[in-house]
Each structure stands twice: as C-alpha cells, then as structure tokens.
N, C-alpha and C. Protein backbone atom coordinates (compact mmCIF):
# COMPACT_ATOMS: atom_id res chain seq x y z
N UNK A 1 -17.92 4.30 1.05
CA UNK A 1 -17.51 3.25 0.13
C UNK A 1 -16.52 2.26 0.81
N UNK A 2 -16.85 1.06 0.74
CA UNK A 2 -15.96 0.08 1.38
C UNK A 2 -15.13 -0.64 0.41
N UNK A 3 -13.83 -0.68 0.63
CA UNK A 3 -12.86 -1.32 -0.24
C UNK A 3 -12.49 -2.65 0.29
N UNK A 4 -12.43 -3.72 -0.48
CA UNK A 4 -12.10 -5.07 -0.17
C UNK A 4 -10.99 -5.63 -0.98
N UNK A 5 -10.09 -6.32 -0.37
CA UNK A 5 -9.04 -7.09 -1.12
C UNK A 5 -9.12 -8.51 -0.54
N UNK A 6 -9.31 -9.50 -1.45
CA UNK A 6 -9.39 -10.87 -0.95
C UNK A 6 -8.46 -11.73 -1.69
N UNK A 7 -7.68 -12.53 -0.94
CA UNK A 7 -6.66 -13.43 -1.56
C UNK A 7 -6.73 -14.77 -0.82
N UNK A 8 -6.22 -15.78 -1.39
CA UNK A 8 -6.08 -17.15 -0.79
C UNK A 8 -5.03 -17.12 0.26
N UNK A 9 -5.10 -17.83 1.35
CA UNK A 9 -4.17 -17.87 2.40
C UNK A 9 -3.14 -18.95 1.96
N UNK A 10 -2.36 -18.56 0.94
CA UNK A 10 -1.19 -19.34 0.46
C UNK A 10 -0.03 -18.39 0.29
N UNK A 11 1.17 -18.91 0.09
CA UNK A 11 2.23 -18.00 -0.17
C UNK A 11 2.05 -17.08 -1.36
N UNK A 12 1.56 -17.64 -2.44
CA UNK A 12 1.24 -16.87 -3.63
C UNK A 12 0.23 -15.84 -3.32
N UNK A 13 -0.84 -16.17 -2.55
CA UNK A 13 -1.89 -15.25 -2.30
C UNK A 13 -1.33 -14.15 -1.40
N UNK A 14 -0.56 -14.37 -0.34
CA UNK A 14 -0.01 -13.43 0.49
C UNK A 14 0.92 -12.49 -0.32
N UNK A 15 1.71 -13.09 -1.22
CA UNK A 15 2.55 -12.25 -2.00
C UNK A 15 1.76 -11.30 -2.90
N UNK A 16 0.75 -11.83 -3.53
CA UNK A 16 -0.20 -10.99 -4.35
C UNK A 16 -0.88 -9.91 -3.51
N UNK A 17 -1.27 -10.31 -2.26
CA UNK A 17 -1.87 -9.33 -1.33
C UNK A 17 -0.89 -8.14 -1.05
N UNK A 18 0.30 -8.56 -0.77
CA UNK A 18 1.28 -7.47 -0.44
C UNK A 18 1.55 -6.51 -1.61
N UNK A 19 1.57 -7.10 -2.85
CA UNK A 19 1.81 -6.31 -4.04
C UNK A 19 0.65 -5.41 -4.36
N UNK A 20 -0.65 -5.90 -4.10
CA UNK A 20 -1.81 -5.10 -4.23
C UNK A 20 -1.81 -3.96 -3.27
N UNK A 21 -1.39 -4.17 -2.00
CA UNK A 21 -1.33 -3.08 -0.98
C UNK A 21 -0.29 -2.05 -1.48
N UNK A 22 0.86 -2.53 -1.95
CA UNK A 22 1.85 -1.55 -2.39
C UNK A 22 1.40 -0.71 -3.59
N UNK A 23 0.67 -1.35 -4.54
CA UNK A 23 0.20 -0.66 -5.71
C UNK A 23 -0.95 0.23 -5.36
N UNK A 24 -1.83 -0.25 -4.48
CA UNK A 24 -3.06 0.50 -4.10
C UNK A 24 -2.58 1.78 -3.40
N UNK A 25 -1.69 1.62 -2.48
CA UNK A 25 -1.27 2.75 -1.55
C UNK A 25 -0.17 3.56 -2.19
N UNK A 26 0.47 3.09 -3.27
CA UNK A 26 1.63 3.70 -3.90
C UNK A 26 2.83 3.87 -3.03
N UNK A 27 3.08 2.79 -2.21
CA UNK A 27 4.19 2.88 -1.24
C UNK A 27 5.15 1.74 -1.57
N UNK A 28 6.35 1.90 -0.94
CA UNK A 28 7.42 0.85 -1.16
C UNK A 28 7.29 -0.14 -0.04
N UNK A 29 7.95 -1.34 -0.29
CA UNK A 29 7.95 -2.30 0.71
C UNK A 29 8.55 -1.80 2.08
N UNK A 30 9.56 -0.88 2.02
CA UNK A 30 10.02 -0.29 3.27
C UNK A 30 9.05 0.61 3.88
N UNK A 31 8.28 1.36 3.12
CA UNK A 31 7.19 2.15 3.79
C UNK A 31 6.17 1.30 4.45
N UNK A 32 5.84 0.23 3.75
CA UNK A 32 4.81 -0.73 4.39
C UNK A 32 5.33 -1.31 5.63
N UNK A 33 6.67 -1.77 5.59
CA UNK A 33 7.28 -2.39 6.77
C UNK A 33 7.16 -1.37 8.00
N UNK A 34 7.52 -0.09 7.66
CA UNK A 34 7.57 0.85 8.77
C UNK A 34 6.21 1.04 9.37
N UNK A 35 5.18 1.19 8.52
CA UNK A 35 3.80 1.31 8.90
C UNK A 35 3.27 0.17 9.68
N UNK A 36 3.82 -1.02 9.36
CA UNK A 36 3.26 -2.23 9.99
C UNK A 36 4.07 -2.66 11.17
N UNK A 37 5.20 -2.00 11.47
CA UNK A 37 5.99 -2.40 12.64
C UNK A 37 6.78 -3.64 12.38
N UNK A 38 7.04 -3.92 11.13
CA UNK A 38 7.83 -5.08 10.73
C UNK A 38 9.20 -4.70 10.17
N UNK A 39 10.13 -5.61 10.10
CA UNK A 39 11.43 -5.29 9.49
C UNK A 39 11.28 -5.51 7.97
N UNK A 40 11.83 -4.54 7.25
CA UNK A 40 11.59 -4.56 5.77
C UNK A 40 12.10 -5.94 5.13
N UNK A 41 13.10 -6.49 5.75
CA UNK A 41 13.61 -7.76 5.13
C UNK A 41 12.60 -8.88 5.20
N UNK A 42 11.70 -8.86 6.16
CA UNK A 42 10.62 -9.79 6.25
C UNK A 42 9.69 -9.70 5.14
N UNK A 43 9.34 -8.53 4.64
CA UNK A 43 8.49 -8.30 3.55
C UNK A 43 9.16 -8.74 2.24
N UNK A 44 10.46 -8.35 2.07
CA UNK A 44 11.23 -8.84 0.92
C UNK A 44 11.37 -10.34 0.86
N UNK A 45 11.50 -10.95 2.07
CA UNK A 45 11.65 -12.34 2.12
C UNK A 45 10.38 -13.12 1.70
N UNK A 46 9.19 -12.48 2.11
CA UNK A 46 7.96 -13.10 1.68
C UNK A 46 7.78 -12.90 0.16
N UNK A 47 8.05 -11.74 -0.38
CA UNK A 47 7.85 -11.47 -1.75
C UNK A 47 8.78 -12.32 -2.64
N UNK A 48 9.91 -12.68 -2.21
CA UNK A 48 10.89 -13.43 -3.00
C UNK A 48 10.88 -14.89 -2.68
N UNK A 49 10.15 -15.40 -1.71
CA UNK A 49 10.09 -16.73 -1.32
C UNK A 49 9.50 -17.64 -2.41
N UNK A 50 10.02 -18.82 -2.69
CA UNK A 50 9.51 -19.73 -3.65
C UNK A 50 8.71 -20.85 -2.93
N UNK A 51 7.59 -21.26 -3.47
CA UNK A 51 6.76 -22.26 -2.91
C UNK A 51 7.46 -23.69 -3.02
N UNK A 52 7.40 -24.37 -1.99
CA UNK A 52 7.96 -25.79 -1.98
C UNK A 52 7.25 -26.56 -0.89
N UNK A 53 7.53 -27.84 -0.76
CA UNK A 53 6.81 -28.63 0.25
C UNK A 53 7.25 -28.30 1.57
N UNK A 54 8.42 -27.67 1.79
CA UNK A 54 8.90 -27.25 3.09
C UNK A 54 8.66 -25.80 3.43
N UNK A 55 8.01 -25.11 2.57
CA UNK A 55 7.69 -23.72 2.85
C UNK A 55 6.68 -23.57 3.87
N UNK A 56 7.08 -22.78 4.94
CA UNK A 56 6.08 -22.57 6.06
C UNK A 56 5.10 -21.41 5.64
N UNK A 57 3.87 -21.53 6.11
CA UNK A 57 2.92 -20.47 5.71
C UNK A 57 3.36 -19.11 6.40
N UNK A 58 2.96 -18.00 5.82
CA UNK A 58 3.17 -16.75 6.47
C UNK A 58 2.33 -16.65 7.74
N UNK A 59 2.97 -16.18 8.80
CA UNK A 59 2.30 -16.11 10.03
C UNK A 59 1.02 -15.14 10.00
N UNK A 60 0.01 -15.64 10.68
CA UNK A 60 -1.22 -14.86 10.74
C UNK A 60 -0.89 -13.41 11.33
N UNK A 61 -0.06 -13.39 12.38
CA UNK A 61 0.28 -12.08 12.97
C UNK A 61 1.01 -11.14 11.92
N UNK A 62 1.74 -11.79 11.11
CA UNK A 62 2.45 -10.90 10.04
C UNK A 62 1.31 -10.32 9.06
N UNK A 63 0.46 -11.23 8.66
CA UNK A 63 -0.60 -10.68 7.67
C UNK A 63 -1.38 -9.65 8.31
N UNK A 64 -1.79 -9.76 9.59
CA UNK A 64 -2.55 -8.80 10.32
C UNK A 64 -1.79 -7.51 10.44
N UNK A 65 -0.57 -7.61 10.80
CA UNK A 65 0.29 -6.37 10.94
C UNK A 65 0.35 -5.65 9.59
N UNK A 66 0.56 -6.35 8.56
CA UNK A 66 0.62 -5.78 7.18
C UNK A 66 -0.68 -5.07 6.84
N UNK A 67 -1.76 -5.72 6.99
CA UNK A 67 -3.06 -5.12 6.74
C UNK A 67 -3.44 -3.93 7.51
N UNK A 68 -3.15 -4.04 8.89
CA UNK A 68 -3.36 -2.89 9.77
C UNK A 68 -2.47 -1.76 9.44
N UNK A 69 -1.29 -2.05 9.02
CA UNK A 69 -0.27 -0.94 8.81
C UNK A 69 -0.70 -0.19 7.61
N UNK A 70 -1.49 -0.83 6.66
CA UNK A 70 -2.00 -0.09 5.49
C UNK A 70 -3.40 0.40 5.69
N UNK A 71 -3.95 0.30 6.88
CA UNK A 71 -5.24 0.86 7.23
C UNK A 71 -6.41 0.02 7.09
N UNK A 72 -6.20 -1.33 6.88
CA UNK A 72 -7.29 -2.23 6.63
C UNK A 72 -7.72 -3.06 7.90
N UNK A 73 -8.91 -3.43 7.97
CA UNK A 73 -9.38 -4.46 8.89
C UNK A 73 -9.06 -5.75 8.28
N UNK A 74 -8.52 -6.73 9.04
CA UNK A 74 -8.06 -8.07 8.49
C UNK A 74 -9.01 -9.11 9.05
N UNK A 75 -9.40 -10.01 8.13
CA UNK A 75 -10.14 -11.16 8.45
C UNK A 75 -9.43 -12.45 7.77
N UNK A 76 -9.11 -13.42 8.57
CA UNK A 76 -8.49 -14.63 7.98
C UNK A 76 -9.50 -15.74 8.26
N UNK A 77 -10.12 -16.27 7.16
CA UNK A 77 -11.04 -17.39 7.24
C UNK A 77 -10.27 -18.70 7.06
N UNK A 78 -9.99 -19.41 8.17
CA UNK A 78 -9.27 -20.61 8.06
C UNK A 78 -10.04 -21.68 7.35
N UNK A 79 -11.40 -21.79 7.40
CA UNK A 79 -12.12 -22.78 6.70
C UNK A 79 -11.96 -22.62 5.19
N UNK A 80 -12.07 -21.36 4.72
CA UNK A 80 -12.00 -21.14 3.26
C UNK A 80 -10.59 -20.90 2.81
N UNK A 81 -9.63 -20.81 3.80
CA UNK A 81 -8.22 -20.51 3.51
C UNK A 81 -8.13 -19.23 2.70
N UNK A 82 -8.71 -18.11 3.28
CA UNK A 82 -8.94 -16.86 2.63
C UNK A 82 -8.60 -15.75 3.48
N UNK A 83 -7.95 -14.68 2.99
CA UNK A 83 -7.58 -13.46 3.64
C UNK A 83 -8.40 -12.28 2.99
N UNK A 84 -9.18 -11.58 3.89
CA UNK A 84 -9.93 -10.41 3.33
C UNK A 84 -9.50 -9.25 4.11
N UNK A 85 -9.03 -8.16 3.38
CA UNK A 85 -8.77 -6.90 3.92
C UNK A 85 -9.96 -5.91 3.57
N UNK A 86 -10.35 -5.13 4.49
CA UNK A 86 -11.47 -4.23 4.05
C UNK A 86 -11.21 -2.86 4.83
N UNK A 87 -11.73 -1.83 4.40
CA UNK A 87 -11.77 -0.52 5.03
C UNK A 87 -12.80 0.35 4.36
N UNK A 88 -13.30 1.22 5.22
CA UNK A 88 -14.28 2.24 4.72
C UNK A 88 -13.50 3.40 4.26
N UNK A 89 -13.67 3.73 3.01
CA UNK A 89 -12.94 4.93 2.40
C UNK A 89 -13.73 6.22 2.68
N UNK A 90 -14.94 6.17 3.08
CA UNK A 90 -15.72 7.41 3.33
C UNK A 90 -15.89 8.27 2.09
N UNK A 91 -16.56 9.35 2.17
CA UNK A 91 -16.81 10.19 0.92
C UNK A 91 -15.49 10.77 0.48
N UNK A 92 -15.26 10.97 -0.75
CA UNK A 92 -14.08 11.50 -1.32
C UNK A 92 -14.12 12.95 -1.11
N UNK A 93 -13.06 13.59 -0.59
CA UNK A 93 -12.90 14.94 -0.30
C UNK A 93 -11.78 15.52 -1.26
N UNK A 94 -12.18 16.60 -2.00
CA UNK A 94 -11.15 17.12 -2.83
C UNK A 94 -10.03 17.80 -2.02
N UNK A 95 -10.38 18.39 -0.95
CA UNK A 95 -9.31 19.03 -0.17
C UNK A 95 -8.33 18.04 0.35
N UNK A 96 -8.77 16.84 0.71
CA UNK A 96 -7.85 15.72 1.10
C UNK A 96 -6.96 15.33 -0.03
N UNK A 97 -7.63 15.24 -1.22
CA UNK A 97 -6.83 14.80 -2.47
C UNK A 97 -5.75 15.88 -2.72
N UNK A 98 -6.07 17.13 -2.60
CA UNK A 98 -5.04 18.22 -2.84
C UNK A 98 -3.95 18.12 -1.80
N UNK A 99 -4.28 17.91 -0.51
CA UNK A 99 -3.31 17.85 0.46
C UNK A 99 -2.35 16.57 0.25
N UNK A 100 -2.93 15.51 -0.12
CA UNK A 100 -2.23 14.26 -0.39
C UNK A 100 -1.22 14.50 -1.61
N UNK A 101 -1.80 15.14 -2.61
CA UNK A 101 -0.93 15.46 -3.79
C UNK A 101 0.17 16.40 -3.48
N UNK A 102 -0.06 17.48 -2.71
CA UNK A 102 1.03 18.29 -2.33
C UNK A 102 1.99 17.68 -1.48
N UNK A 103 1.60 16.71 -0.61
CA UNK A 103 2.54 15.90 0.19
C UNK A 103 3.44 15.11 -0.69
N UNK A 104 2.79 14.46 -1.69
CA UNK A 104 3.54 13.63 -2.60
C UNK A 104 4.49 14.36 -3.39
N UNK A 105 4.11 15.54 -3.80
CA UNK A 105 5.02 16.45 -4.60
C UNK A 105 6.20 16.84 -3.72
N UNK A 106 5.99 17.23 -2.54
CA UNK A 106 7.17 17.56 -1.61
C UNK A 106 8.09 16.31 -1.47
N UNK A 107 7.55 15.15 -1.34
CA UNK A 107 8.29 13.99 -1.20
C UNK A 107 9.19 13.65 -2.39
N UNK A 108 8.61 13.89 -3.55
CA UNK A 108 9.34 13.78 -4.84
C UNK A 108 10.55 14.64 -4.85
N UNK A 109 10.44 15.88 -4.44
CA UNK A 109 11.44 16.82 -4.42
C UNK A 109 12.52 16.36 -3.44
N UNK A 110 12.10 15.95 -2.28
CA UNK A 110 13.07 15.52 -1.29
C UNK A 110 13.92 14.30 -1.73
N UNK A 111 13.18 13.30 -2.27
CA UNK A 111 13.85 12.07 -2.76
C UNK A 111 14.81 12.28 -3.97
N UNK A 112 14.40 13.34 -4.77
CA UNK A 112 15.26 13.59 -5.94
C UNK A 112 16.41 14.58 -5.58
N UNK A 113 16.31 15.13 -4.35
CA UNK A 113 17.32 16.12 -4.04
C UNK A 113 17.27 17.45 -4.69
N UNK A 114 16.14 17.69 -5.32
CA UNK A 114 15.94 18.98 -6.08
C UNK A 114 15.22 19.90 -5.15
N UNK A 115 15.31 21.18 -5.51
CA UNK A 115 14.71 22.25 -4.68
C UNK A 115 13.43 22.80 -5.29
N UNK A 116 13.23 22.56 -6.59
CA UNK A 116 11.98 23.03 -7.26
C UNK A 116 11.79 22.24 -8.48
N UNK A 117 10.53 22.27 -9.11
CA UNK A 117 10.28 21.69 -10.38
C UNK A 117 10.53 22.56 -11.47
N UNK A 118 10.87 21.96 -12.68
CA UNK A 118 11.04 22.83 -13.88
C UNK A 118 9.65 23.33 -14.45
N UNK A 119 9.68 24.20 -15.40
CA UNK A 119 8.56 24.86 -15.88
C UNK A 119 7.46 23.83 -16.41
N UNK A 120 7.89 22.86 -17.18
CA UNK A 120 7.00 21.89 -17.74
C UNK A 120 6.33 21.03 -16.68
N UNK A 121 7.06 20.67 -15.63
CA UNK A 121 6.49 20.00 -14.48
C UNK A 121 5.48 20.82 -13.73
N UNK A 122 5.75 22.11 -13.61
CA UNK A 122 4.93 22.97 -12.84
C UNK A 122 3.61 23.16 -13.62
N UNK A 123 3.64 23.19 -14.98
CA UNK A 123 2.40 23.39 -15.73
C UNK A 123 1.50 22.11 -15.62
N UNK A 124 2.14 20.97 -15.65
CA UNK A 124 1.36 19.68 -15.44
C UNK A 124 0.68 19.64 -14.05
N UNK A 125 1.53 20.04 -13.03
CA UNK A 125 0.97 20.05 -11.65
C UNK A 125 -0.20 20.95 -11.49
N UNK A 126 -0.11 22.20 -12.10
CA UNK A 126 -1.10 23.20 -12.00
C UNK A 126 -2.44 22.67 -12.73
N UNK A 127 -2.24 21.94 -13.82
CA UNK A 127 -3.35 21.38 -14.61
C UNK A 127 -4.06 20.32 -13.68
N UNK A 128 -3.36 19.50 -13.05
CA UNK A 128 -3.90 18.50 -12.18
C UNK A 128 -4.72 19.09 -11.01
N UNK A 129 -4.06 20.09 -10.44
CA UNK A 129 -4.70 20.81 -9.30
C UNK A 129 -6.03 21.50 -9.70
N UNK A 130 -5.99 22.10 -10.87
CA UNK A 130 -7.15 22.76 -11.35
C UNK A 130 -8.28 21.79 -11.54
N UNK A 131 -7.99 20.59 -12.13
CA UNK A 131 -8.91 19.51 -12.36
C UNK A 131 -9.51 19.02 -11.11
N UNK A 132 -8.73 18.89 -10.01
CA UNK A 132 -9.17 18.48 -8.74
C UNK A 132 -10.06 19.47 -8.01
N UNK A 133 -9.75 20.76 -8.23
CA UNK A 133 -10.58 21.85 -7.55
C UNK A 133 -11.90 22.05 -8.17
N UNK A 134 -12.04 21.68 -9.42
CA UNK A 134 -13.31 21.92 -10.17
C UNK A 134 -14.25 20.86 -9.94
C-alpha cells in the first residue's frame, strides 16, 4: 500500500504538510527535526511564519530533509507548484504493531517519570493488545 501526501508549494502548503507529517507519525516538531537533521527552531519558524509579500519560500532542501526524515520519498513539481510525499507501507504486520505499541508505552512512562501504569491503564492496554493479536 502506497501512502501519498500532496500539498501546494506555498508557505501555507508547507505548513500543512509539516502538520500532516506530525499528525500521521504522532511525533513532535522536535522529533521531526531530529529525524530530518534540522534544528527544531527552523520547523517552529516555518509553522509560525505569516505569509507576506516579503516572505521567502521554504527551501527545497528543507522540504526534502523533512520528508526523508519522516520516511517519505519527496517530489517537488515546479511547474504545478506542488509537493508530493510518498512511501510504500507494505503489508501490515501485527507483530510490528505490537512492538510499536510497546515502544510507545515505554516512552509514555519515561516522559511522565512514572515507573508503572495504574490498574485501569493496564486493563485498557491489555484490551488493545488482545485486539491486535486476534
């Protein structure tokens, strides 16, 4: 299964593209910056920039770095003024889903400074895991 994200090559289009990457991947701008090899202030600058007649376009190299950092192939069509990100997702694997979920659960604990989940949280997690395995 191939996934595509297409936006106009404008400031608003690039801002929307970044937000879609963040939402799709479930990551923060800092995580995207790290994966892309960019400084996080650059991403925040793009997201908070206002369109004006003096606004410079976002560099092609920045767009390519952002897309590749999120695992996408990047195509910029200058004639259409369009950016297309695409990637092959491959078949969905339940074992990969479970591994990703466990990794996410570990990171939640680390970020919250807690050592374990409470009983209600454990019950919800077990329910999700059972649904994934079946």
